[in-house]
Amino acid sequence: MAEALNLLTVLAAPRLYARWCTQAPPEELRTALQSRMAALAAFCAGAWGSPDAERFRSAAPKVQTLAESLAGAPPGRLMDSGWNAQARECLGALGIPTPPGGWEAFEGWSASSE
């Protein structure tokens, strides 16, 4: 799930996302986004047995909506209006705060903030 959470962070931060989009062919990247968000949605919906389970279950509808939005986008499209906002809502629901300076300026967590 760490990879899915990392991709959710990348999707929320336009500067990170722009760099990420140069890492592989668009269809490979889109497949990665779709599969990781679908897996995260399923994980959140079925979370149990930990102190964070309720938070994950309550975030599940937001993550599921984003996963469906990614799956329903036209082929070859790597960004759709609203995906940044949806990713940010998902992160907030999962308890991940907006970074200092906001998502627009965010370029990654520093080693001291992890």
PDB file of N, CA and C in Angstrom:
ATOM      1  N   MET A   1       0.806  -1.192   0.000  1.00  0.00           N
ATOM      2  CA  MET A   1       0.000   0.000   0.000  1.00  0.00           C
ATOM      3  C   MET A   1       0.859   1.270   0.000  1.00  0.00           C
ATOM      4  N   ALA A   2       2.107   1.129   0.428  1.00  0.00           N
ATOM      5  CA  ALA A   2       2.980   2.305   0.445  1.00  0.00           C
ATOM      6  C   ALA A   2       3.129   2.899  -0.952  1.00  0.00           C
ATOM      7  N   GLU A   3       3.241   2.039  -1.953  1.00  0.00           N
ATOM      8  CA  GLU A   3       3.371   2.543  -3.323  1.00  0.00           C
ATOM      9  C   GLU A   3       2.113   3.292  -3.745  1.00  0.00           C
ATOM     10  N   ALA A   4       0.953   2.790  -3.368  1.00  0.00           N
ATOM     11  CA  ALA A   4      -0.303   3.462  -3.706  1.00  0.00           C
ATOM     12  C   ALA A   4      -0.394   4.817  -3.006  1.00  0.00           C
ATOM     13  N   LEU A   5       0.012   4.872  -1.746  1.00  0.00           N
ATOM     14  CA  LEU A   5      -0.004   6.145  -1.024  1.00  0.00           C
ATOM     15  C   LEU A   5       0.996   7.131  -1.632  1.00  0.00           C
ATOM     16  N   ASN A   6       2.154   6.627  -2.048  1.00  0.00           N
ATOM     17  CA  ASN A   6       3.125   7.499  -2.713  1.00  0.00           C
ATOM     18  C   ASN A   6       2.553   8.052  -4.014  1.00  0.00           C
ATOM     19  N   LEU A   7       1.890   7.201  -4.799  1.00  0.00           N
ATOM     20  CA  LEU A   7       1.295   7.671  -6.050  1.00  0.00           C
ATOM     21  C   LEU A   7       0.161   8.659  -5.784  1.00  0.00           C
ATOM     22  N   LEU A   8      -0.575   8.445  -4.722  1.00  0.00           N
ATOM     23  CA  LEU A   8      -1.629   9.386  -4.360  1.00  0.00           C
ATOM     24  C   LEU A   8      -1.022  10.754  -4.050  1.00  0.00           C
ATOM     25  N   THR A   9       0.099  10.766  -3.364  1.00  0.00           N
ATOM     26  CA  THR A   9       0.811  12.011  -3.066  1.00  0.00           C
ATOM     27  C   THR A   9       1.307  12.664  -4.353  1.00  0.00           C
ATOM     28  N   VAL A  10       1.863  11.864  -5.251  1.00  0.00           N
ATOM     29  CA  VAL A  10       2.336  12.389  -6.540  1.00  0.00           C
ATOM     30  C   VAL A  10       1.176  13.008  -7.317  1.00  0.00           C
ATOM     31  N   LEU A  11       0.043  12.343  -7.318  1.00  0.00           N
ATOM     32  CA  LEU A  11      -1.125  12.839  -8.040  1.00  0.00           C
ATOM     33  C   LEU A  11      -1.643  14.144  -7.439  1.00  0.00           C
ATOM     34  N   ALA A  12      -1.475  14.317  -6.147  1.00  0.00           N
ATOM     35  CA  ALA A  12      -1.947  15.527  -5.466  1.00  0.00           C
ATOM     36  C   ALA A  12      -1.047  16.734  -5.716  1.00  0.00           C
ATOM     37  N   ALA A  13       0.204  16.485  -6.072  1.00  0.00           N
ATOM     38  CA  ALA A  13       1.200  17.559  -6.192  1.00  0.00           C
ATOM     39  C   ALA A  13       1.595  17.750  -7.657  1.00  0.00           C
ATOM     40  N   PRO A  14       1.137  18.818  -8.293  1.00  0.00           N
ATOM     41  CA  PRO A  14       1.389  19.008  -9.723  1.00  0.00           C
ATOM     42  C   PRO A  14       2.861  18.953 -10.127  1.00  0.00           C
ATOM     43  N   ARG A  15       3.764  19.473  -9.312  1.00  0.00           N
ATOM     44  CA  ARG A  15       5.184  19.439  -9.672  1.00  0.00           C
ATOM     45  C   ARG A  15       5.723  18.012  -9.666  1.00  0.00           C
ATOM     46  N   LEU A  16       5.348  17.245  -8.669  1.00  0.00           N
ATOM     47  CA  LEU A  16       5.765  15.843  -8.637  1.00  0.00           C
ATOM     48  C   LEU A  16       5.146  15.066  -9.789  1.00  0.00           C
ATOM     49  N   TYR A  17       3.891  15.335 -10.054  1.00  0.00           N
ATOM     50  CA  TYR A  17       3.182  14.618 -11.112  1.00  0.00           C
ATOM     51  C   TYR A  17       3.813  14.893 -12.475  1.00  0.00           C
ATOM     52  N   ALA A  18       4.181  16.132 -12.739  1.00  0.00           N
ATOM     53  CA  ALA A  18       4.813  16.474 -14.015  1.00  0.00           C
ATOM     54  C   ALA A  18       6.111  15.689 -14.199  1.00  0.00           C
ATOM     55  N   ARG A  19       6.893  15.562 -13.139  1.00  0.00           N
ATOM     56  CA  ARG A  19       8.138  14.784 -13.221  1.00  0.00           C
ATOM     57  C   ARG A  19       7.850  13.295 -13.388  1.00  0.00           C
ATOM     58  N   TRP A  20       6.870  12.806 -12.658  1.00  0.00           N
ATOM     59  CA  TRP A  20       6.507  11.392 -12.717  1.00  0.00           C
ATOM     60  C   TRP A  20       6.068  11.002 -14.127  1.00  0.00           C
ATOM     61  N   CYS A  21       5.376  11.903 -14.809  1.00  0.00           N
ATOM     62  CA  CYS A  21       4.853  11.617 -16.147  1.00  0.00           C
ATOM     63  C   CYS A  21       5.943  11.429 -17.195  1.00  0.00           C
ATOM     64  N   THR A  22       7.179  11.752 -16.863  1.00  0.00           N
ATOM     65  CA  THR A  22       8.285  11.565 -17.802  1.00  0.00           C
ATOM     66  C   THR A  22       9.022  10.244 -17.566  1.00  0.00           C
ATOM     67  N   GLN A  23       8.585   9.459 -16.601  1.00  0.00           N
ATOM     68  CA  GLN A  23       9.319   8.265 -16.188  1.00  0.00           C
ATOM     69  C   GLN A  23       9.079   7.028 -17.052  1.00  0.00           C
ATOM     70  N   ALA A  24       7.988   6.982 -17.802  1.00  0.00           N
ATOM     71  CA  ALA A  24       7.649   5.803 -18.595  1.00  0.00           C
ATOM     72  C   ALA A  24       6.589   6.204 -19.627  1.00  0.00           C
ATOM     73  N   PRO A  25       6.287   5.317 -20.563  1.00  0.00           N
ATOM     74  CA  PRO A  25       5.228   5.618 -21.531  1.00  0.00           C
ATOM     75  C   PRO A  25       3.894   5.869 -20.820  1.00  0.00           C
ATOM     76  N   PRO A  26       3.083   6.760 -21.372  1.00  0.00           N
ATOM     77  CA  PRO A  26       1.819   7.126 -20.720  1.00  0.00           C
ATOM     78  C   PRO A  26       0.924   5.948 -20.342  1.00  0.00           C
ATOM     79  N   GLU A  27       0.798   4.964 -21.202  1.00  0.00           N
ATOM     80  CA  GLU A  27      -0.088   3.840 -20.873  1.00  0.00           C
ATOM     81  C   GLU A  27       0.422   3.032 -19.687  1.00  0.00           C
ATOM     82  N   GLU A  28       1.731   2.899 -19.559  1.00  0.00           N
ATOM     83  CA  GLU A  28       2.297   2.197 -18.391  1.00  0.00           C
ATOM     84  C   GLU A  28       1.996   2.973 -17.113  1.00  0.00           C
ATOM     85  N   LEU A  29       2.159   4.277 -17.180  1.00  0.00           N
ATOM     86  CA  LEU A  29       1.900   5.115 -16.005  1.00  0.00           C
ATOM     87  C   LEU A  29       0.421   5.069 -15.624  1.00  0.00           C
ATOM     88  N   ARG A  30      -0.424   5.156 -16.620  1.00  0.00           N
ATOM     89  CA  ARG A  30      -1.861   5.125 -16.341  1.00  0.00           C
ATOM     90  C   ARG A  30      -2.262   3.780 -15.739  1.00  0.00           C
ATOM     91  N   THR A  31      -1.708   2.690 -16.274  1.00  0.00           N
ATOM     92  CA  THR A  31      -1.993   1.369 -15.726  1.00  0.00           C
ATOM     93  C   THR A  31      -1.555   1.285 -14.267  1.00  0.00           C
ATOM     94  N   ALA A  32      -0.382   1.838 -13.976  1.00  0.00           N
ATOM     95  CA  ALA A  32       0.098   1.850 -12.588  1.00  0.00           C
ATOM     96  C   ALA A  32      -0.844   2.637 -11.690  1.00  0.00           C
ATOM     97  N   LEU A  33      -1.256   3.820 -12.143  1.00  0.00           N
ATOM     98  CA  LEU A  33      -2.197   4.630 -11.344  1.00  0.00           C
ATOM     99  C   LEU A  33      -3.490   3.873 -11.103  1.00  0.00           C
ATOM    100  N   GLN A  34      -4.063   3.332 -12.160  1.00  0.00           N
ATOM    101  CA  GLN A  34      -5.341   2.638 -12.026  1.00  0.00           C
ATOM    102  C   GLN A  34      -5.243   1.443 -11.089  1.00  0.00           C
ATOM    103  N   SER A  35      -4.229   0.627 -11.279  1.00  0.00           N
ATOM    104  CA  SER A  35      -4.144  -0.583 -10.458  1.00  0.00           C
ATOM    105  C   SER A  35      -3.859  -0.261  -8.995  1.00  0.00           C
ATOM    106  N   ARG A  36      -2.977   0.710  -8.742  1.00  0.00           N
ATOM    107  CA  ARG A  36      -2.653   1.050  -7.350  1.00  0.00           C
ATOM    108  C   ARG A  36      -3.835   1.707  -6.641  1.00  0.00           C
ATOM    109  N   MET A  37      -4.575   2.566  -7.335  1.00  0.00           N
ATOM    110  CA  MET A  37      -5.719   3.207  -6.682  1.00  0.00           C
ATOM    111  C   MET A  37      -6.849   2.212  -6.449  1.00  0.00           C
ATOM    112  N   ALA A  38      -7.052   1.278  -7.383  1.00  0.00           N
ATOM    113  CA  ALA A  38      -8.064   0.238  -7.170  1.00  0.00           C
ATOM    114  C   ALA A  38      -7.679  -0.632  -5.972  1.00  0.00           C
ATOM    115  N   ALA A  39      -6.393  -0.982  -5.870  1.00  0.00           N
ATOM    116  CA  ALA A  39      -5.925  -1.784  -4.737  1.00  0.00           C
ATOM    117  C   ALA A  39      -6.073  -1.016  -3.427  1.00  0.00           C
ATOM    118  N   LEU A  40      -5.748   0.273  -3.444  1.00  0.00           N
ATOM    119  CA  LEU A  40      -5.884   1.084  -2.231  1.00  0.00           C
ATOM    120  C   LEU A  40      -7.346   1.193  -1.820  1.00  0.00           C
ATOM    121  N   ALA A  41      -8.238   1.358  -2.798  1.00  0.00           N
ATOM    122  CA  ALA A  41      -9.672   1.438  -2.488  1.00  0.00           C
ATOM    123  C   ALA A  41     -10.150   0.148  -1.832  1.00  0.00           C
ATOM    124  N   ALA A  42      -9.733  -0.988  -2.378  1.00  0.00           N
ATOM    125  CA  ALA A  42     -10.130  -2.279  -1.806  1.00  0.00           C
ATOM    126  C   ALA A  42      -9.546  -2.456  -0.408  1.00  0.00           C
ATOM    127  N   PHE A  43      -8.292  -2.071  -0.227  1.00  0.00           N
ATOM    128  CA  PHE A  43      -7.658  -2.164   1.086  1.00  0.00           C
ATOM    129  C   PHE A  43      -8.412  -1.308   2.106  1.00  0.00           C
ATOM    130  N   CYS A  44      -8.713  -0.075   1.726  1.00  0.00           N
ATOM    131  CA  CYS A  44      -9.406   0.833   2.652  1.00  0.00           C
ATOM    132  C   CYS A  44     -10.781   0.285   3.027  1.00  0.00           C
ATOM    133  N   ALA A  45     -11.510  -0.211   2.032  1.00  0.00           N
ATOM    134  CA  ALA A  45     -12.855  -0.720   2.299  1.00  0.00           C
ATOM    135  C   ALA A  45     -12.848  -1.922   3.231  1.00  0.00           C
ATOM    136  N   GLY A  46     -11.795  -2.727   3.168  1.00  0.00           N
ATOM    137  CA  GLY A  46     -11.740  -3.929   3.997  1.00  0.00           C
ATOM    138  C   GLY A  46     -10.841  -3.833   5.204  1.00  0.00           C
ATOM    139  N   ALA A  47     -10.385  -2.641   5.537  1.00  0.00           N
ATOM    140  CA  ALA A  47      -9.446  -2.480   6.657  1.00  0.00           C
ATOM    141  C   ALA A  47     -10.084  -2.916   7.977  1.00  0.00           C
ATOM    142  N   TRP A  48      -9.312  -3.612   8.769  1.00  0.00           N
ATOM    143  CA  TRP A  48      -9.755  -4.027  10.104  1.00  0.00           C
ATOM    144  C   TRP A  48      -8.538  -4.404  10.928  1.00  0.00           C
ATOM    145  N   GLY A  49      -8.722  -4.475  12.217  1.00  0.00           N
ATOM    146  CA  GLY A  49      -7.700  -5.010  13.100  1.00  0.00           C
ATOM    147  C   GLY A  49      -6.566  -4.085  13.479  1.00  0.00           C
ATOM    148  N   SER A  50      -6.654  -2.833  13.149  1.00  0.00           N
ATOM    149  CA  SER A  50      -5.598  -1.906  13.567  1.00  0.00           C
ATOM    150  C   SER A  50      -6.253  -0.621  14.064  1.00  0.00           C
ATOM    151  N   PRO A  51      -5.503   0.192  14.787  1.00  0.00           N
ATOM    152  CA  PRO A  51      -6.063   1.457  15.263  1.00  0.00           C
ATOM    153  C   PRO A  51      -6.472   2.387  14.117  1.00  0.00           C
ATOM    154  N   ASP A  52      -5.888   2.196  12.926  1.00  0.00           N
ATOM    155  CA  ASP A  52      -6.196   3.060  11.790  1.00  0.00           C
ATOM    156  C   ASP A  52      -7.312   2.522  10.905  1.00  0.00           C
ATOM    157  N   ALA A  53      -7.850   1.376  11.218  1.00  0.00           N
ATOM    158  CA  ALA A  53      -8.826   0.728  10.347  1.00  0.00           C
ATOM    159  C   ALA A  53     -10.047   1.610  10.079  1.00  0.00           C
ATOM    160  N   GLU A  54     -10.574   2.243  11.096  1.00  0.00           N
ATOM    161  CA  GLU A  54     -11.772   3.080  10.907  1.00  0.00           C
ATOM    162  C   GLU A  54     -11.473   4.249   9.968  1.00  0.00           C
ATOM    163  N   ARG A  55     -10.303   4.848  10.114  1.00  0.00           N
ATOM    164  CA  ARG A  55      -9.916   5.961   9.238  1.00  0.00           C
ATOM    165  C   ARG A  55      -9.835   5.486   7.787  1.00  0.00           C
ATOM    166  N   PHE A  56      -9.225   4.312   7.571  1.00  0.00           N
ATOM    167  CA  PHE A  56      -9.139   3.763   6.220  1.00  0.00           C
ATOM    168  C   PHE A  56     -10.521   3.469   5.654  1.00  0.00           C
ATOM    169  N   ARG A  57     -11.385   2.854   6.472  1.00  0.00           N
ATOM    170  CA  ARG A  57     -12.738   2.545   5.982  1.00  0.00           C
ATOM    171  C   ARG A  57     -13.508   3.811   5.649  1.00  0.00           C
ATOM    172  N   SER A  58     -13.339   4.858   6.452  1.00  0.00           N
ATOM    173  CA  SER A  58     -14.069   6.100   6.164  1.00  0.00           C
ATOM    174  C   SER A  58     -13.517   6.804   4.932  1.00  0.00           C
ATOM    175  N   ALA A  59     -12.244   6.570   4.590  1.00  0.00           N
ATOM    176  CA  ALA A  59     -11.652   7.161   3.383  1.00  0.00           C
ATOM    177  C   ALA A  59     -12.000   6.361   2.129  1.00  0.00           C
ATOM    178  N   ALA A  60     -12.450   5.132   2.291  1.00  0.00           N
ATOM    179  CA  ALA A  60     -12.678   4.238   1.153  1.00  0.00           C
ATOM    180  C   ALA A  60     -13.558   4.836   0.056  1.00  0.00           C
ATOM    181  N   PRO A  61     -14.680   5.502   0.373  1.00  0.00           N
ATOM    182  CA  PRO A  61     -15.495   6.056  -0.713  1.00  0.00           C
ATOM    183  C   PRO A  61     -14.757   7.095  -1.558  1.00  0.00           C
ATOM    184  N   LYS A  62     -13.951   7.931  -0.929  1.00  0.00           N
ATOM    185  CA  LYS A  62     -13.185   8.934  -1.682  1.00  0.00           C
ATOM    186  C   LYS A  62     -12.151   8.270  -2.579  1.00  0.00           C
ATOM    187  N   VAL A  63     -11.460   7.269  -2.041  1.00  0.00           N
ATOM    188  CA  VAL A  63     -10.448   6.557  -2.824  1.00  0.00           C
ATOM    189  C   VAL A  63     -11.122   5.797  -3.968  1.00  0.00           C
ATOM    190  N   GLN A  64     -12.278   5.206  -3.699  1.00  0.00           N
ATOM    191  CA  GLN A  64     -13.016   4.481  -4.736  1.00  0.00           C
ATOM    192  C   GLN A  64     -13.456   5.427  -5.853  1.00  0.00           C
ATOM    193  N   THR A  65     -13.913   6.616  -5.493  1.00  0.00           N
ATOM    194  CA  THR A  65     -14.321   7.603  -6.498  1.00  0.00           C
ATOM    195  C   THR A  65     -13.143   7.982  -7.386  1.00  0.00           C
ATOM    196  N   LEU A  66     -11.982   8.198  -6.797  1.00  0.00           N
ATOM    197  CA  LEU A  66     -10.792   8.515  -7.587  1.00  0.00           C
ATOM    198  C   LEU A  66     -10.419   7.337  -8.481  1.00  0.00           C
ATOM    199  N   ALA A  67     -10.442   6.130  -7.950  1.00  0.00           N
ATOM    200  CA  ALA A  67     -10.114   4.938  -8.745  1.00  0.00           C
ATOM    201  C   ALA A  67     -11.064   4.819  -9.940  1.00  0.00           C
ATOM    202  N   GLU A  68     -12.339   5.073  -9.731  1.00  0.00           N
ATOM    203  CA  GLU A  68     -13.318   5.010 -10.823  1.00  0.00           C
ATOM    204  C   GLU A  68     -13.079   6.119 -11.841  1.00  0.00           C
ATOM    205  N   SER A  69     -12.698   7.289 -11.372  1.00  0.00           N
ATOM    206  CA  SER A  69     -12.395   8.404 -12.270  1.00  0.00           C
ATOM    207  C   SER A  69     -11.193   8.067 -13.150  1.00  0.00           C
ATOM    208  N   LEU A  70     -10.161   7.475 -12.560  1.00  0.00           N
ATOM    209  CA  LEU A  70      -8.983   7.065 -13.326  1.00  0.00           C
ATOM    210  C   LEU A  70      -9.355   5.998 -14.350  1.00  0.00           C
ATOM    211  N   ALA A  71     -10.141   5.021 -13.934  1.00  0.00           N
ATOM    212  CA  ALA A  71     -10.521   3.921 -14.822  1.00  0.00           C
ATOM    213  C   ALA A  71     -11.411   4.398 -15.968  1.00  0.00           C
ATOM    214  N   GLY A  72     -12.207   5.432 -15.723  1.00  0.00           N
ATOM    215  CA  GLY A  72     -13.157   5.900 -16.731  1.00  0.00           C
ATOM    216  C   GLY A  72     -12.626   6.955 -17.683  1.00  0.00           C
ATOM    217  N   ALA A  73     -11.394   7.394 -17.479  1.00  0.00           N
ATOM    218  CA  ALA A  73     -10.818   8.434 -18.340  1.00  0.00           C
ATOM    219  C   ALA A  73     -10.465   7.844 -19.708  1.00  0.00           C
ATOM    220  N   PRO A  74     -10.479   8.687 -20.729  1.00  0.00           N
ATOM    221  CA  PRO A  74     -10.123   8.200 -22.067  1.00  0.00           C
ATOM    222  C   PRO A  74      -8.711   7.610 -22.095  1.00  0.00           C
ATOM    223  N   PRO A  75      -8.487   6.601 -22.922  1.00  0.00           N
ATOM    224  CA  PRO A  75      -7.152   5.991 -23.027  1.00  0.00           C
ATOM    225  C   PRO A  75      -6.081   7.031 -23.359  1.00  0.00           C
ATOM    226  N   GLY A  76      -4.920   6.840 -22.770  1.00  0.00           N
ATOM    227  CA  GLY A  76      -3.806   7.736 -23.047  1.00  0.00           C
ATOM    228  C   GLY A  76      -3.795   9.012 -22.231  1.00  0.00           C
ATOM    229  N   ARG A  77      -4.854   9.292 -21.526  1.00  0.00           N
ATOM    230  CA  ARG A  77      -4.916  10.515 -20.727  1.00  0.00           C
ATOM    231  C   ARG A  77      -4.266  10.277 -19.382  1.00  0.00           C
ATOM    232  N   LEU A  78      -3.321  11.148 -19.059  1.00  0.00           N
ATOM    233  CA  LEU A  78      -2.611  11.022 -17.785  1.00  0.00           C
ATOM    234  C   LEU A  78      -3.064  12.045 -16.766  1.00  0.00           C
ATOM    235  N   MET A  79      -3.872  12.995 -17.154  1.00  0.00           N
ATOM    236  CA  MET A  79      -4.378  13.965 -16.182  1.00  0.00           C
ATOM    237  C   MET A  79      -5.772  14.383 -16.599  1.00  0.00           C
ATOM    238  N   ASP A  80      -6.608  14.489 -15.640  1.00  0.00           N
ATOM    239  CA  ASP A  80      -7.968  14.930 -15.865  1.00  0.00           C
ATOM    240  C   ASP A  80      -8.268  15.997 -14.837  1.00  0.00           C
ATOM    241  N   SER A  81      -9.077  16.942 -15.226  1.00  0.00           N
ATOM    242  CA  SER A  81      -9.424  17.977 -14.255  1.00  0.00           C
ATOM    243  C   SER A  81     -10.101  17.314 -13.058  1.00  0.00           C
ATOM    244  N   GLY A  82      -9.676  17.704 -11.906  1.00  0.00           N
ATOM    245  CA  GLY A  82     -10.253  17.166 -10.686  1.00  0.00           C
ATOM    246  C   GLY A  82      -9.429  16.086 -10.010  1.00  0.00           C
ATOM    247  N   TRP A  83      -8.504  15.441 -10.724  1.00  0.00           N
ATOM    248  CA  TRP A  83      -7.734  14.372 -10.086  1.00  0.00           C
ATOM    249  C   TRP A  83      -6.856  14.901  -8.966  1.00  0.00           C
ATOM    250  N   ASN A  84      -6.264  16.083  -9.151  1.00  0.00           N
ATOM    251  CA  ASN A  84      -5.454  16.655  -8.063  1.00  0.00           C
ATOM    252  C   ASN A  84      -6.314  16.846  -6.820  1.00  0.00           C
ATOM    253  N   ALA A  85      -7.476  17.458  -7.005  1.00  0.00           N
ATOM    254  CA  ALA A  85      -8.354  17.722  -5.867  1.00  0.00           C
ATOM    255  C   ALA A  85      -8.839  16.427  -5.224  1.00  0.00           C
ATOM    256  N   GLN A  86      -9.186  15.442  -6.044  1.00  0.00           N
ATOM    257  CA  GLN A  86      -9.629  14.159  -5.502  1.00  0.00           C
ATOM    258  C   GLN A  86      -8.509  13.499  -4.701  1.00  0.00           C
ATOM    259  N   ALA A  87      -7.295  13.531  -5.224  1.00  0.00           N
ATOM    260  CA  ALA A  87      -6.162  12.935  -4.512  1.00  0.00           C
ATOM    261  C   ALA A  87      -5.935  13.637  -3.184  1.00  0.00           C
ATOM    262  N   ARG A  88      -6.050  14.942  -3.180  1.00  0.00           N
ATOM    263  CA  ARG A  88      -5.869  15.706  -1.945  1.00  0.00           C
ATOM    264  C   ARG A  88      -6.942  15.368  -0.927  1.00  0.00           C
ATOM    265  N   GLU A  89      -8.179  15.195  -1.387  1.00  0.00           N
ATOM    266  CA  GLU A  89      -9.265  14.799  -0.482  1.00  0.00           C
ATOM    267  C   GLU A  89      -8.997  13.411   0.100  1.00  0.00           C
ATOM    268  N   CYS A  90      -8.517  12.509  -0.736  1.00  0.00           N
ATOM    269  CA  CYS A  90      -8.190  11.160  -0.265  1.00  0.00           C
ATOM    270  C   CYS A  90      -7.100  11.210   0.795  1.00  0.00           C
ATOM    271  N   LEU A  91      -6.050  11.962   0.522  1.00  0.00           N
ATOM    272  CA  LEU A  91      -4.961  12.071   1.493  1.00  0.00           C
ATOM    273  C   LEU A  91      -5.457  12.659   2.810  1.00  0.00           C
ATOM    274  N   GLY A  92      -6.274  13.691   2.734  1.00  0.00           N
ATOM    275  CA  GLY A  92      -6.837  14.277   3.948  1.00  0.00           C
ATOM    276  C   GLY A  92      -7.664  13.271   4.727  1.00  0.00           C
ATOM    277  N   ALA A  93      -8.487  12.506   4.014  1.00  0.00           N
ATOM    278  CA  ALA A  93      -9.319  11.491   4.666  1.00  0.00           C
ATOM    279  C   ALA A  93      -8.465  10.383   5.294  1.00  0.00           C
ATOM    280  N   LEU A  94      -7.303  10.144   4.711  1.00  0.00           N
ATOM    281  CA  LEU A  94      -6.390   9.121   5.241  1.00  0.00           C
ATOM    282  C   LEU A  94      -5.509   9.662   6.368  1.00  0.00           C
ATOM    283  N   GLY A  95      -5.668  10.952   6.678  1.00  0.00           N
ATOM    284  CA  GLY A  95      -4.919  11.538   7.784  1.00  0.00           C
ATOM    285  C   GLY A  95      -3.582  12.128   7.392  1.00  0.00           C
ATOM    286  N   ILE A  96      -3.346  12.301   6.106  1.00  0.00           N
ATOM    287  CA  ILE A  96      -2.089  12.892   5.644  1.00  0.00           C
ATOM    288  C   ILE A  96      -2.329  14.373   5.415  1.00  0.00           C
ATOM    289  N   PRO A  97      -1.666  15.208   6.197  1.00  0.00           N
ATOM    290  CA  PRO A  97      -1.941  16.650   6.132  1.00  0.00           C
ATOM    291  C   PRO A  97      -1.358  17.302   4.872  1.00  0.00           C
ATOM    292  N   THR A  98      -1.909  18.449   4.533  1.00  0.00           N
ATOM    293  CA  THR A  98      -1.353  19.266   3.458  1.00  0.00           C
ATOM    294  C   THR A  98       0.049  19.685   3.873  1.00  0.00           C
ATOM    295  N   PRO A  99       1.020  19.534   2.979  1.00  0.00           N
ATOM    296  CA  PRO A  99       2.389  19.902   3.356  1.00  0.00           C
ATOM    297  C   PRO A  99       2.544  21.410   3.523  1.00  0.00           C
ATOM    298  N   PRO A 100       3.549  21.842   4.261  1.00  0.00           N
ATOM    299  CA  PRO A 100       3.812  23.273   4.388  1.00  0.00           C
ATOM    300  C   PRO A 100       3.989  23.883   2.992  1.00  0.00           C
ATOM    301  N   GLY A 101       3.337  24.987   2.738  1.00  0.00           N
ATOM    302  CA  GLY A 101       3.406  25.617   1.424  1.00  0.00           C
ATOM    303  C   GLY A 101       2.338  25.126   0.460  1.00  0.00           C
ATOM    304  N   GLY A 102       1.608  24.070   0.830  1.00  0.00           N
ATOM    305  CA  GLY A 102       0.518  23.552   0.003  1.00  0.00           C
ATOM    306  C   GLY A 102       0.972  22.553  -1.048  1.00  0.00           C
ATOM    307  N   TRP A 103      -0.005  21.881  -1.640  1.00  0.00           N
ATOM    308  CA  TRP A 103       0.267  20.860  -2.640  1.00  0.00           C
ATOM    309  C   TRP A 103       0.828  21.444  -3.933  1.00  0.00           C
ATOM    310  N   GLU A 104       0.445  22.666  -4.275  1.00  0.00           N
ATOM    311  CA  GLU A 104       0.935  23.271  -5.519  1.00  0.00           C
ATOM    312  C   GLU A 104       2.452  23.430  -5.506  1.00  0.00           C
ATOM    313  N   ALA A 105       3.021  23.736  -4.371  1.00  0.00           N
ATOM    314  CA  ALA A 105       4.462  23.962  -4.258  1.00  0.00           C
ATOM    315  C   ALA A 105       5.236  22.711  -3.828  1.00  0.00           C
ATOM    316  N   PHE A 106       4.527  21.695  -3.397  1.00  0.00           N
ATOM    317  CA  PHE A 106       5.165  20.499  -2.832  1.00  0.00           C
ATOM    318  C   PHE A 106       6.020  19.775  -3.861  1.00  0.00           C
ATOM    319  N   GLU A 107       7.251  19.427  -3.451  1.00  0.00           N
ATOM    320  CA  GLU A 107       8.158  18.702  -4.336  1.00  0.00           C
ATOM    321  C   GLU A 107       8.686  17.432  -3.693  1.00  0.00           C
ATOM    322  N   GLY A 108       8.129  17.039  -2.579  1.00  0.00           N
ATOM    323  CA  GLY A 108       8.513  15.788  -1.923  1.00  0.00           C
ATOM    324  C   GLY A 108       8.806  15.998  -0.455  1.00  0.00           C
ATOM    325  N   TRP A 109       8.658  14.917   0.295  1.00  0.00           N
ATOM    326  CA  TRP A 109       8.939  14.960   1.728  1.00  0.00           C
ATOM    327  C   TRP A 109      10.441  14.954   1.917  1.00  0.00           C
ATOM    328  N   SER A 110      10.903  15.735   2.849  1.00  0.00           N
ATOM    329  CA  SER A 110      12.330  15.693   3.180  1.00  0.00           C
ATOM    330  C   SER A 110      12.563  14.524   4.135  1.00  0.00           C
ATOM    331  N   ALA A 111      13.785  14.110   4.243  1.00  0.00           N
ATOM    332  CA  ALA A 111      14.111  12.976   5.114  1.00  0.00           C
ATOM    333  C   ALA A 111      13.690  13.255   6.557  1.00  0.00           C
ATOM    334  N   SER A 112      13.731  14.511   6.972  1.00  0.00           N
ATOM    335  CA  SER A 112      13.376  14.865   8.351  1.00  0.00           C
ATOM    336  C   SER A 112      11.871  14.879   8.581  1.00  0.00           C
ATOM    337  N   SER A 113      11.043  14.915   7.498  1.00  0.00           N
ATOM    338  CA  SER A 113       9.599  15.003   7.683  1.00  0.00           C
ATOM    339  C   SER A 113       8.919  13.649   7.520  1.00  0.00           C
ATOM    340  N   GLU A 114       9.670  12.587   7.211  1.00  0.00           N
ATOM    341  CA  GLU A 114       9.060  11.280   7.013  1.00  0.00           C
ATOM    342  C   GLU A 114       8.818  10.558   8.305  1.00  0.00           C
TER     343      GLU A 114
END
